[in-house]
Amino acid sequence: MASLTITPAAAEQIHHVLDERGKGLGLKVSVKPSGCSGFSYVLDFADEADAADVSFEAHGARVFVDREALEMLDGSEVDFVNEGLNRYFRFNNPNIKDECGCGESFTV
């Protein structure tokens, strides 16, 4: 069984953006071929449950992962960080073998 951890900071941000939007079930995560290292994360809103997704829940927030991306994301932690003026979701993914210099893409 695949696993994905949601930190309290990520859960708080998911709640915040869904409240601001006024709708949605959670955060939708997939990956696409991109960048100089191979793949990049794609974030969207999950407005309805899709049979092709696996749902993870913690701290009252849900993250939906596309089944095709599940193997690449298995064991990952979804976090939300504030670094200076930058605020973003960060994936602490144990499956990554290499990342590009700018951090936009990864290889598994």
PDB file of N, CA and C in Angstrom:
ATOM      1  N   MET A   1       0.841  -1.187   0.000  1.00  0.00           N
ATOM      2  CA  MET A   1       0.000   0.000   0.000  1.00  0.00           C
ATOM      3  C   MET A   1       0.884   1.249   0.000  1.00  0.00           C
ATOM      4  N   ALA A   2       0.623   2.145  -0.897  1.00  0.00           N
ATOM      5  CA  ALA A   2       1.397   3.382  -1.030  1.00  0.00           C
ATOM      6  C   ALA A   2       1.118   4.313   0.150  1.00  0.00           C
ATOM      7  N   SER A   3       2.091   5.170   0.432  1.00  0.00           N
ATOM      8  CA  SER A   3       1.906   6.129   1.519  1.00  0.00           C
ATOM      9  C   SER A   3       2.314   7.530   1.074  1.00  0.00           C
ATOM     10  N   LEU A   4       1.686   8.501   1.702  1.00  0.00           N
ATOM     11  CA  LEU A   4       1.995   9.907   1.478  1.00  0.00           C
ATOM     12  C   LEU A   4       1.643  10.629   2.774  1.00  0.00           C
ATOM     13  N   THR A   5       2.550  11.433   3.272  1.00  0.00           N
ATOM     14  CA  THR A   5       2.351  12.159   4.520  1.00  0.00           C
ATOM     15  C   THR A   5       2.053  13.623   4.227  1.00  0.00           C
ATOM     16  N   ILE A   6       1.123  14.178   4.975  1.00  0.00           N
ATOM     17  CA  ILE A   6       0.759  15.594   4.852  1.00  0.00           C
ATOM     18  C   ILE A   6       1.135  16.262   6.170  1.00  0.00           C
ATOM     19  N   THR A   7       2.003  17.259   6.123  1.00  0.00           N
ATOM     20  CA  THR A   7       2.397  17.948   7.348  1.00  0.00           C
ATOM     21  C   THR A   7       1.275  18.879   7.809  1.00  0.00           C
ATOM     22  N   PRO A   8       1.285  19.271   9.089  1.00  0.00           N
ATOM     23  CA  PRO A   8       0.292  20.250   9.560  1.00  0.00           C
ATOM     24  C   PRO A   8       0.333  21.555   8.762  1.00  0.00           C
ATOM     25  N   ALA A   9       1.522  22.015   8.367  1.00  0.00           N
ATOM     26  CA  ALA A   9       1.634  23.259   7.587  1.00  0.00           C
ATOM     27  C   ALA A   9       0.980  23.103   6.219  1.00  0.00           C
ATOM     28  N   ALA A  10       1.180  21.958   5.569  1.00  0.00           N
ATOM     29  CA  ALA A  10       0.555  21.714   4.267  1.00  0.00           C
ATOM     30  C   ALA A  10      -0.962  21.627   4.415  1.00  0.00           C
ATOM     31  N   ALA A  11      -1.424  20.949   5.455  1.00  0.00           N
ATOM     32  CA  ALA A  11      -2.867  20.820   5.684  1.00  0.00           C
ATOM     33  C   ALA A  11      -3.502  22.188   5.897  1.00  0.00           C
ATOM     34  N   GLU A  12      -2.830  23.034   6.671  1.00  0.00           N
ATOM     35  CA  GLU A  12      -3.345  24.384   6.921  1.00  0.00           C
ATOM     36  C   GLU A  12      -3.455  25.178   5.618  1.00  0.00           C
ATOM     37  N   GLN A  13      -2.445  25.053   4.753  1.00  0.00           N
ATOM     38  CA  GLN A  13      -2.466  25.783   3.487  1.00  0.00           C
ATOM     39  C   GLN A  13      -3.543  25.224   2.552  1.00  0.00           C
ATOM     40  N   ILE A  14      -3.720  23.928   2.534  1.00  0.00           N
ATOM     41  CA  ILE A  14      -4.774  23.328   1.715  1.00  0.00           C
ATOM     42  C   ILE A  14      -6.130  23.861   2.156  1.00  0.00           C
ATOM     43  N   HIS A  15      -6.364  23.878   3.480  1.00  0.00           N
ATOM     44  CA  HIS A  15      -7.624  24.441   3.998  1.00  0.00           C
ATOM     45  C   HIS A  15      -7.777  25.899   3.579  1.00  0.00           C
ATOM     46  N   HIS A  16      -6.702  26.658   3.686  1.00  0.00           N
ATOM     47  CA  HIS A  16      -6.731  28.086   3.364  1.00  0.00           C
ATOM     48  C   HIS A  16      -7.122  28.324   1.898  1.00  0.00           C
ATOM     49  N   VAL A  17      -6.449  27.628   0.967  1.00  0.00           N
ATOM     50  CA  VAL A  17      -6.741  27.869  -0.446  1.00  0.00           C
ATOM     51  C   VAL A  17      -8.131  27.369  -0.832  1.00  0.00           C
ATOM     52  N   LEU A  18      -8.589  26.290  -0.223  1.00  0.00           N
ATOM     53  CA  LEU A  18      -9.936  25.802  -0.519  1.00  0.00           C
ATOM     54  C   LEU A  18     -10.994  26.753   0.040  1.00  0.00           C
ATOM     55  N   ASP A  19     -10.741  27.291   1.233  1.00  0.00           N
ATOM     56  CA  ASP A  19     -11.666  28.276   1.805  1.00  0.00           C
ATOM     57  C   ASP A  19     -11.719  29.532   0.942  1.00  0.00           C
ATOM     58  N   GLU A  20     -10.556  29.987   0.480  1.00  0.00           N
ATOM     59  CA  GLU A  20     -10.487  31.164  -0.387  1.00  0.00           C
ATOM     60  C   GLU A  20     -11.236  30.935  -1.698  1.00  0.00           C
ATOM     61  N   ARG A  21     -11.113  29.755  -2.229  1.00  0.00           N
ATOM     62  CA  ARG A  21     -11.758  29.372  -3.481  1.00  0.00           C
ATOM     63  C   ARG A  21     -13.251  29.157  -3.314  1.00  0.00           C
ATOM     64  N   GLY A  22     -13.637  28.710  -2.129  1.00  0.00           N
ATOM     65  CA  GLY A  22     -15.048  28.470  -1.859  1.00  0.00           C
ATOM     66  C   GLY A  22     -15.540  27.099  -2.264  1.00  0.00           C
ATOM     67  N   LYS A  23     -14.650  26.243  -2.736  1.00  0.00           N
ATOM     68  CA  LYS A  23     -15.034  24.885  -3.110  1.00  0.00           C
ATOM     69  C   LYS A  23     -13.792  24.016  -3.240  1.00  0.00           C
ATOM     70  N   GLY A  24     -14.011  22.713  -3.321  1.00  0.00           N
ATOM     71  CA  GLY A  24     -12.919  21.770  -3.537  1.00  0.00           C
ATOM     72  C   GLY A  24     -12.820  20.752  -2.427  1.00  0.00           C
ATOM     73  N   LEU A  25     -12.325  19.574  -2.791  1.00  0.00           N
ATOM     74  CA  LEU A  25     -12.139  18.493  -1.826  1.00  0.00           C
ATOM     75  C   LEU A  25     -10.724  18.445  -1.274  1.00  0.00           C
ATOM     76  N   GLY A  26      -9.765  18.934  -2.049  1.00  0.00           N
ATOM     77  CA  GLY A  26      -8.381  18.864  -1.616  1.00  0.00           C
ATOM     78  C   GLY A  26      -7.429  19.267  -2.719  1.00  0.00           C
ATOM     79  N   LEU A  27      -6.188  18.890  -2.520  1.00  0.00           N
ATOM     80  CA  LEU A  27      -5.117  19.183  -3.463  1.00  0.00           C
ATOM     81  C   LEU A  27      -4.920  17.970  -4.368  1.00  0.00           C
ATOM     82  N   LYS A  28      -4.792  18.192  -5.665  1.00  0.00           N
ATOM     83  CA  LYS A  28      -4.557  17.122  -6.638  1.00  0.00           C
ATOM     84  C   LYS A  28      -3.104  17.197  -7.075  1.00  0.00           C
ATOM     85  N   VAL A  29      -2.383  16.073  -7.003  1.00  0.00           N
ATOM     86  CA  VAL A  29      -0.974  16.025  -7.374  1.00  0.00           C
ATOM     87  C   VAL A  29      -0.765  14.980  -8.464  1.00  0.00           C
ATOM     88  N   SER A  30      -0.070  15.382  -9.487  1.00  0.00           N
ATOM     89  CA  SER A  30       0.349  14.451 -10.534  1.00  0.00           C
ATOM     90  C   SER A  30       1.755  14.858 -10.964  1.00  0.00           C
ATOM     91  N   VAL A  31       2.330  14.117 -11.872  1.00  0.00           N
ATOM     92  CA  VAL A  31       3.639  14.473 -12.419  1.00  0.00           C
ATOM     93  C   VAL A  31       3.541  14.458 -13.937  1.00  0.00           C
ATOM     94  N   LYS A  32       4.419  15.225 -14.563  1.00  0.00           N
ATOM     95  CA  LYS A  32       4.460  15.237 -16.024  1.00  0.00           C
ATOM     96  C   LYS A  32       5.914  15.276 -16.465  1.00  0.00           C
ATOM     97  N   PRO A  33       6.185  14.717 -17.650  1.00  0.00           N
ATOM     98  CA  PRO A  33       7.539  14.836 -18.188  1.00  0.00           C
ATOM     99  C   PRO A  33       7.843  16.313 -18.410  1.00  0.00           C
ATOM    100  N   SER A  34       8.982  16.766 -17.890  1.00  0.00           N
ATOM    101  CA  SER A  34       9.285  18.189 -17.988  1.00  0.00           C
ATOM    102  C   SER A  34      10.693  18.469 -17.501  1.00  0.00           C
ATOM    103  N   GLY A  35      11.196  19.608 -17.889  1.00  0.00           N
ATOM    104  CA  GLY A  35      12.454  20.115 -17.367  1.00  0.00           C
ATOM    105  C   GLY A  35      13.663  19.327 -17.819  1.00  0.00           C
ATOM    106  N   CYS A  36      14.784  19.661 -17.228  1.00  0.00           N
ATOM    107  CA  CYS A  36      16.044  19.045 -17.650  1.00  0.00           C
ATOM    108  C   CYS A  36      16.321  17.727 -16.936  1.00  0.00           C
ATOM    109  N   SER A  37      15.559  17.403 -15.879  1.00  0.00           N
ATOM    110  CA  SER A  37      15.822  16.157 -15.161  1.00  0.00           C
ATOM    111  C   SER A  37      14.795  15.062 -15.428  1.00  0.00           C
ATOM    112  N   GLY A  38      13.678  15.374 -16.023  1.00  0.00           N
ATOM    113  CA  GLY A  38      12.754  14.313 -16.377  1.00  0.00           C
ATOM    114  C   GLY A  38      11.300  14.546 -16.037  1.00  0.00           C
ATOM    115  N   PHE A  39      10.973  14.888 -14.778  1.00  0.00           N
ATOM    116  CA  PHE A  39       9.590  15.053 -14.350  1.00  0.00           C
ATOM    117  C   PHE A  39       9.438  16.292 -13.474  1.00  0.00           C
ATOM    118  N   SER A  40       8.223  16.819 -13.447  1.00  0.00           N
ATOM    119  CA  SER A  40       7.920  17.902 -12.507  1.00  0.00           C
ATOM    120  C   SER A  40       6.547  17.642 -11.903  1.00  0.00           C
ATOM    121  N   TYR A  41       6.327  18.201 -10.733  1.00  0.00           N
ATOM    122  CA  TYR A  41       5.050  18.062 -10.044  1.00  0.00           C
ATOM    123  C   TYR A  41       4.023  18.984 -10.686  1.00  0.00           C
ATOM    124  N   VAL A  42       2.789  18.523 -10.722  1.00  0.00           N
ATOM    125  CA  VAL A  42       1.679  19.330 -11.208  1.00  0.00           C
ATOM    126  C   VAL A  42       0.658  19.395 -10.074  1.00  0.00           C
ATOM    127  N   LEU A  43       0.329  20.612  -9.634  1.00  0.00           N
ATOM    128  CA  LEU A  43      -0.633  20.807  -8.556  1.00  0.00           C
ATOM    129  C   LEU A  43      -1.895  21.442  -9.106  1.00  0.00           C
ATOM    130  N   ASP A  44      -3.018  20.958  -8.619  1.00  0.00           N
ATOM    131  CA  ASP A  44      -4.311  21.474  -9.034  1.00  0.00           C
ATOM    132  C   ASP A  44      -5.270  21.261  -7.874  1.00  0.00           C
ATOM    133  N   PHE A  45      -6.495  21.689  -8.053  1.00  0.00           N
ATOM    134  CA  PHE A  45      -7.534  21.438  -7.066  1.00  0.00           C
ATOM    135  C   PHE A  45      -8.303  20.185  -7.446  1.00  0.00           C
ATOM    136  N   ALA A  46      -8.695  19.418  -6.453  1.00  0.00           N
ATOM    137  CA  ALA A  46      -9.575  18.270  -6.682  1.00  0.00           C
ATOM    138  C   ALA A  46     -10.980  18.730  -6.293  1.00  0.00           C
ATOM    139  N   ASP A  47     -11.825  18.910  -7.294  1.00  0.00           N
ATOM    140  CA  ASP A  47     -13.195  19.351  -7.022  1.00  0.00           C
ATOM    141  C   ASP A  47     -14.155  18.181  -6.873  1.00  0.00           C
ATOM    142  N   GLU A  48     -13.724  17.014  -7.335  1.00  0.00           N
ATOM    143  CA  GLU A  48     -14.531  15.806  -7.159  1.00  0.00           C
ATOM    144  C   GLU A  48     -13.582  14.619  -7.091  1.00  0.00           C
ATOM    145  N   ALA A  49     -14.043  13.554  -6.465  1.00  0.00           N
ATOM    146  CA  ALA A  49     -13.233  12.343  -6.361  1.00  0.00           C
ATOM    147  C   ALA A  49     -13.201  11.660  -7.722  1.00  0.00           C
ATOM    148  N   ASP A  50     -12.013  11.290  -8.159  1.00  0.00           N
ATOM    149  CA  ASP A  50     -11.826  10.618  -9.442  1.00  0.00           C
ATOM    150  C   ASP A  50     -11.360   9.197  -9.156  1.00  0.00           C
ATOM    151  N   ALA A  51     -11.953   8.225  -9.807  1.00  0.00           N
ATOM    152  CA  ALA A  51     -11.606   6.819  -9.590  1.00  0.00           C
ATOM    153  C   ALA A  51     -10.139   6.539  -9.928  1.00  0.00           C
ATOM    154  N   ALA A  52      -9.514   7.390 -10.728  1.00  0.00           N
ATOM    155  CA  ALA A  52      -8.113   7.206 -11.113  1.00  0.00           C
ATOM    156  C   ALA A  52      -7.149   7.764 -10.060  1.00  0.00           C
ATOM    157  N   ASP A  53      -7.669   8.331  -8.977  1.00  0.00           N
ATOM    158  CA  ASP A  53      -6.836   8.927  -7.934  1.00  0.00           C
ATOM    159  C   ASP A  53      -6.850   8.096  -6.658  1.00  0.00           C
ATOM    160  N   VAL A  54      -5.765   8.220  -5.903  1.00  0.00           N
ATOM    161  CA  VAL A  54      -5.683   7.644  -4.562  1.00  0.00           C
ATOM    162  C   VAL A  54      -5.688   8.825  -3.597  1.00  0.00           C
ATOM    163  N   SER A  55      -6.512   8.740  -2.564  1.00  0.00           N
ATOM    164  CA  SER A  55      -6.673   9.841  -1.621  1.00  0.00           C
ATOM    165  C   SER A  55      -5.917   9.564  -0.328  1.00  0.00           C
ATOM    166  N   PHE A  56      -5.240  10.596   0.176  1.00  0.00           N
ATOM    167  CA  PHE A  56      -4.551  10.538   1.460  1.00  0.00           C
ATOM    168  C   PHE A  56      -5.088  11.671   2.313  1.00  0.00           C
ATOM    169  N   GLU A  57      -5.281  11.416   3.597  1.00  0.00           N
ATOM    170  CA  GLU A  57      -5.847  12.436   4.476  1.00  0.00           C
ATOM    171  C   GLU A  57      -5.068  12.515   5.776  1.00  0.00           C
ATOM    172  N   ALA A  58      -4.833  13.753   6.232  1.00  0.00           N
ATOM    173  CA  ALA A  58      -4.195  14.005   7.522  1.00  0.00           C
ATOM    174  C   ALA A  58      -4.533  15.423   7.947  1.00  0.00           C
ATOM    175  N   HIS A  59      -4.724  15.617   9.224  1.00  0.00           N
ATOM    176  CA  HIS A  59      -5.002  16.932   9.788  1.00  0.00           C
ATOM    177  C   HIS A  59      -6.223  17.570   9.126  1.00  0.00           C
ATOM    178  N   GLY A  60      -7.168  16.739   8.684  1.00  0.00           N
ATOM    179  CA  GLY A  60      -8.395  17.235   8.078  1.00  0.00           C
ATOM    180  C   GLY A  60      -8.261  17.692   6.634  1.00  0.00           C
ATOM    181  N   ALA A  61      -7.097  17.471   6.015  1.00  0.00           N
ATOM    182  CA  ALA A  61      -6.883  17.872   4.621  1.00  0.00           C
ATOM    183  C   ALA A  61      -6.652  16.626   3.773  1.00  0.00           C
ATOM    184  N   ARG A  62      -7.062  16.719   2.513  1.00  0.00           N
ATOM    185  CA  ARG A  62      -6.904  15.585   1.606  1.00  0.00           C
ATOM    186  C   ARG A  62      -6.019  15.947   0.419  1.00  0.00           C
ATOM    187  N   VAL A  63      -5.193  14.973   0.035  1.00  0.00           N
ATOM    188  CA  VAL A  63      -4.361  15.084  -1.157  1.00  0.00           C
ATOM    189  C   VAL A  63      -4.706  13.901  -2.048  1.00  0.00           C
ATOM    190  N   PHE A  64      -5.031  14.199  -3.291  1.00  0.00           N
ATOM    191  CA  PHE A  64      -5.377  13.179  -4.271  1.00  0.00           C
ATOM    192  C   PHE A  64      -4.194  13.013  -5.219  1.00  0.00           C
ATOM    193  N   VAL A  65      -3.754  11.766  -5.396  1.00  0.00           N
ATOM    194  CA  VAL A  65      -2.599  11.488  -6.250  1.00  0.00           C
ATOM    195  C   VAL A  65      -3.057  10.632  -7.422  1.00  0.00           C
ATOM    196  N   ASP A  66      -2.703  11.071  -8.611  1.00  0.00           N
ATOM    197  CA  ASP A  66      -2.973  10.314  -9.821  1.00  0.00           C
ATOM    198  C   ASP A  66      -2.279   8.956  -9.715  1.00  0.00           C
ATOM    199  N   ARG A  67      -2.990   7.872 -10.003  1.00  0.00           N
ATOM    200  CA  ARG A  67      -2.421   6.518  -9.890  1.00  0.00           C
ATOM    201  C   ARG A  67      -1.141   6.352 -10.695  1.00  0.00           C
ATOM    202  N   GLU A  68      -1.056   7.022 -11.838  1.00  0.00           N
ATOM    203  CA  GLU A  68       0.147   6.910 -12.667  1.00  0.00           C
ATOM    204  C   GLU A  68       1.366   7.524 -11.976  1.00  0.00           C
ATOM    205  N   ALA A  69       1.148   8.471 -11.062  1.00  0.00           N
ATOM    206  CA  ALA A  69       2.247   9.123 -10.352  1.00  0.00           C
ATOM    207  C   ALA A  69       2.532   8.475  -9.004  1.00  0.00           C
ATOM    208  N   LEU A  70       1.681   7.561  -8.596  1.00  0.00           N
ATOM    209  CA  LEU A  70       1.771   6.993  -7.250  1.00  0.00           C
ATOM    210  C   LEU A  70       3.118   6.353  -6.954  1.00  0.00           C
ATOM    211  N   GLU A  71       3.640   5.586  -7.885  1.00  0.00           N
ATOM    212  CA  GLU A  71       4.922   4.929  -7.647  1.00  0.00           C
ATOM    213  C   GLU A  71       6.042   5.950  -7.437  1.00  0.00           C
ATOM    214  N   MET A  72       6.012   7.050  -8.195  1.00  0.00           N
ATOM    215  CA  MET A  72       7.045   8.086  -8.064  1.00  0.00           C
ATOM    216  C   MET A  72       6.915   8.870  -6.764  1.00  0.00           C
ATOM    217  N   LEU A  73       5.695   8.934  -6.213  1.00  0.00           N
ATOM    218  CA  LEU A  73       5.450   9.741  -5.017  1.00  0.00           C
ATOM    219  C   LEU A  73       5.343   8.916  -3.733  1.00  0.00           C
ATOM    220  N   ASP A  74       5.383   7.600  -3.847  1.00  0.00           N
ATOM    221  CA  ASP A  74       5.228   6.733  -2.683  1.00  0.00           C
ATOM    222  C   ASP A  74       6.254   7.071  -1.601  1.00  0.00           C
ATOM    223  N   GLY A  75       5.786   7.258  -0.394  1.00  0.00           N
ATOM    224  CA  GLY A  75       6.655   7.581   0.739  1.00  0.00           C
ATOM    225  C   GLY A  75       6.966   9.055   0.882  1.00  0.00           C
ATOM    226  N   SER A  76       6.420   9.893   0.022  1.00  0.00           N
ATOM    227  CA  SER A  76       6.710  11.332   0.059  1.00  0.00           C
ATOM    228  C   SER A  76       5.982  12.041   1.197  1.00  0.00           C
ATOM    229  N   GLU A  77       6.536  13.172   1.562  1.00  0.00           N
ATOM    230  CA  GLU A  77       5.908  14.072   2.525  1.00  0.00           C
ATOM    231  C   GLU A  77       5.564  15.356   1.782  1.00  0.00           C
ATOM    232  N   VAL A  78       4.306  15.803   1.910  1.00  0.00           N
ATOM    233  CA  VAL A  78       3.884  17.079   1.348  1.00  0.00           C
ATOM    234  C   VAL A  78       3.974  18.106   2.472  1.00  0.00           C
ATOM    235  N   ASP A  79       4.743  19.155   2.253  1.00  0.00           N
ATOM    236  CA  ASP A  79       4.931  20.193   3.254  1.00  0.00           C
ATOM    237  C   ASP A  79       4.629  21.545   2.607  1.00  0.00           C
ATOM    238  N   PHE A  80       4.420  22.560   3.426  1.00  0.00           N
ATOM    239  CA  PHE A  80       4.274  23.924   2.928  1.00  0.00           C
ATOM    240  C   PHE A  80       5.279  24.770   3.678  1.00  0.00           C
ATOM    241  N   VAL A  81       6.122  25.488   2.919  1.00  0.00           N
ATOM    242  CA  VAL A  81       7.209  26.236   3.545  1.00  0.00           C
ATOM    243  C   VAL A  81       7.153  27.714   3.185  1.00  0.00           C
ATOM    244  N   ASN A  82       7.651  28.512   4.098  1.00  0.00           N
ATOM    245  CA  ASN A  82       7.854  29.949   3.893  1.00  0.00           C
ATOM    246  C   ASN A  82       9.354  30.183   3.962  1.00  0.00           C
ATOM    247  N   GLU A  83       9.936  30.614   2.852  1.00  0.00           N
ATOM    248  CA  GLU A  83      11.359  30.930   2.822  1.00  0.00           C
ATOM    249  C   GLU A  83      11.507  32.339   2.268  1.00  0.00           C
ATOM    250  N   GLY A  84      11.724  33.298   3.150  1.00  0.00           N
ATOM    251  CA  GLY A  84      11.792  34.687   2.720  1.00  0.00           C
ATOM    252  C   GLY A  84      10.453  35.116   2.156  1.00  0.00           C
ATOM    253  N   LEU A  85      10.453  35.581   0.914  1.00  0.00           N
ATOM    254  CA  LEU A  85       9.215  35.996   0.260  1.00  0.00           C
ATOM    255  C   LEU A  85       8.525  34.844  -0.470  1.00  0.00           C
ATOM    256  N   ASN A  86       9.160  33.686  -0.499  1.00  0.00           N
ATOM    257  CA  ASN A  86       8.618  32.538  -1.228  1.00  0.00           C
ATOM    258  C   ASN A  86       7.799  31.638  -0.302  1.00  0.00           C
ATOM    259  N   ARG A  87       6.630  31.250  -0.789  1.00  0.00           N
ATOM    260  CA  ARG A  87       5.767  30.306  -0.085  1.00  0.00           C
ATOM    261  C   ARG A  87       5.340  29.257  -1.099  1.00  0.00           C
ATOM    262  N   TYR A  88       5.542  27.983  -0.760  1.00  0.00           N
ATOM    263  CA  TYR A  88       5.230  26.951  -1.742  1.00  0.00           C
ATOM    264  C   TYR A  88       5.083  25.583  -1.075  1.00  0.00           C
ATOM    265  N   PHE A  89       4.409  24.676  -1.794  1.00  0.00           N
ATOM    266  CA  PHE A  89       4.350  23.284  -1.370  1.00  0.00           C
ATOM    267  C   PHE A  89       5.675  22.641  -1.750  1.00  0.00           C
ATOM    268  N   ARG A  90       6.241  21.889  -0.818  1.00  0.00           N
ATOM    269  CA  ARG A  90       7.500  21.187  -1.076  1.00  0.00           C
ATOM    270  C   ARG A  90       7.240  19.693  -0.896  1.00  0.00           C
ATOM    271  N   PHE A  91       7.815  18.904  -1.790  1.00  0.00           N
ATOM    272  CA  PHE A  91       7.690  17.453  -1.720  1.00  0.00           C
ATOM    273  C   PHE A  91       9.023  16.875  -1.277  1.00  0.00           C
ATOM    274  N   ASN A  92       9.027  16.244  -0.123  1.00  0.00           N
ATOM    275  CA  ASN A  92      10.202  15.538   0.351  1.00  0.00           C
ATOM    276  C   ASN A  92      10.022  14.095  -0.123  1.00  0.00           C
ATOM    277  N   ASN A  93      10.598  13.818  -1.284  1.00  0.00           N
ATOM    278  CA  ASN A  93      10.351  12.576  -1.998  1.00  0.00           C
ATOM    279  C   ASN A  93      11.576  11.665  -1.924  1.00  0.00           C
ATOM    280  N   PRO A  94      11.452  10.526  -1.223  1.00  0.00           N
ATOM    281  CA  PRO A  94      12.600   9.620  -1.075  1.00  0.00           C
ATOM    282  C   PRO A  94      12.963   8.880  -2.359  1.00  0.00           C
ATOM    283  N   ASN A  95      12.133   8.965  -3.386  1.00  0.00           N
ATOM    284  CA  ASN A  95      12.376   8.244  -4.634  1.00  0.00           C
ATOM    285  C   ASN A  95      13.247   9.008  -5.621  1.00  0.00           C
ATOM    286  N   ILE A  96      13.520  10.273  -5.334  1.00  0.00           N
ATOM    287  CA  ILE A  96      14.293  11.111  -6.257  1.00  0.00           C
ATOM    288  C   ILE A  96      15.753  10.665  -6.280  1.00  0.00           C
ATOM    289  N   LYS A  97      16.231  10.442  -7.489  1.00  0.00           N
ATOM    290  CA  LYS A  97      17.645  10.068  -7.690  1.00  0.00           C
ATOM    291  C   LYS A  97      18.488  11.286  -8.040  1.00  0.00           C
ATOM    292  N   ASP A  98      17.864  12.285  -8.705  1.00  0.00           N
ATOM    293  CA  ASP A  98      18.588  13.478  -9.108  1.00  0.00           C
ATOM    294  C   ASP A  98      17.592  14.601  -9.344  1.00  0.00           C
ATOM    295  N   GLU A  99      18.032  15.847  -9.138  1.00  0.00           N
ATOM    296  CA  GLU A  99      17.210  17.030  -9.395  1.00  0.00           C
ATOM    297  C   GLU A  99      18.014  17.994 -10.255  1.00  0.00           C
ATOM    298  N   CYS A 100      17.295  18.821 -11.009  1.00  0.00           N
ATOM    299  CA  CYS A 100      17.998  19.842 -11.772  1.00  0.00           C
ATOM    300  C   CYS A 100      18.460  20.941 -10.809  1.00  0.00           C
ATOM    301  N   GLY A 101      19.358  21.776 -11.270  1.00  0.00           N
ATOM    302  CA  GLY A 101      19.915  22.834 -10.438  1.00  0.00           C
ATOM    303  C   GLY A 101      18.890  23.820  -9.907  1.00  0.00           C
ATOM    304  N   CYS A 102      17.838  24.080 -10.677  1.00  0.00           N
ATOM    305  CA  CYS A 102      16.842  25.062 -10.245  1.00  0.00           C
ATOM    306  C   CYS A 102      15.754  24.429  -9.378  1.00  0.00           C
ATOM    307  N   GLY A 103      15.764  23.097  -9.250  1.00  0.00           N
ATOM    308  CA  GLY A 103      14.787  22.430  -8.400  1.00  0.00           C
ATOM    309  C   GLY A 103      13.420  22.246  -9.023  1.00  0.00           C
ATOM    310  N   GLU A 104      13.274  22.523 -10.313  1.00  0.00           N
ATOM    311  CA  GLU A 104      11.985  22.429 -10.977  1.00  0.00           C
ATOM    312  C   GLU A 104      11.645  21.034 -11.478  1.00  0.00           C
ATOM    313  N   SER A 105      12.659  20.184 -11.662  1.00  0.00           N
ATOM    314  CA  SER A 105      12.383  18.844 -12.172  1.00  0.00           C
ATOM    315  C   SER A 105      13.241  17.821 -11.449  1.00  0.00           C
ATOM    316  N   PHE A 106      12.852  16.542 -11.588  1.00  0.00           N
ATOM    317  CA  PHE A 106      13.540  15.474 -10.866  1.00  0.00           C
ATOM    318  C   PHE A 106      13.542  14.191 -11.688  1.00  0.00           C
ATOM    319  N   THR A 107      14.407  13.269 -11.266  1.00  0.00           N
ATOM    320  CA  THR A 107      14.501  11.939 -11.872  1.00  0.00           C
ATOM    321  C   THR A 107      14.277  10.914 -10.775  1.00  0.00           C
ATOM    322  N   VAL A 108      13.531   9.857 -11.103  1.00  0.00           N
ATOM    323  CA  VAL A 108      13.328   8.762 -10.143  1.00  0.00           C
ATOM    324  C   VAL A 108      13.977   7.501 -10.673  1.00  0.00           C
TER     325      VAL A 108
END
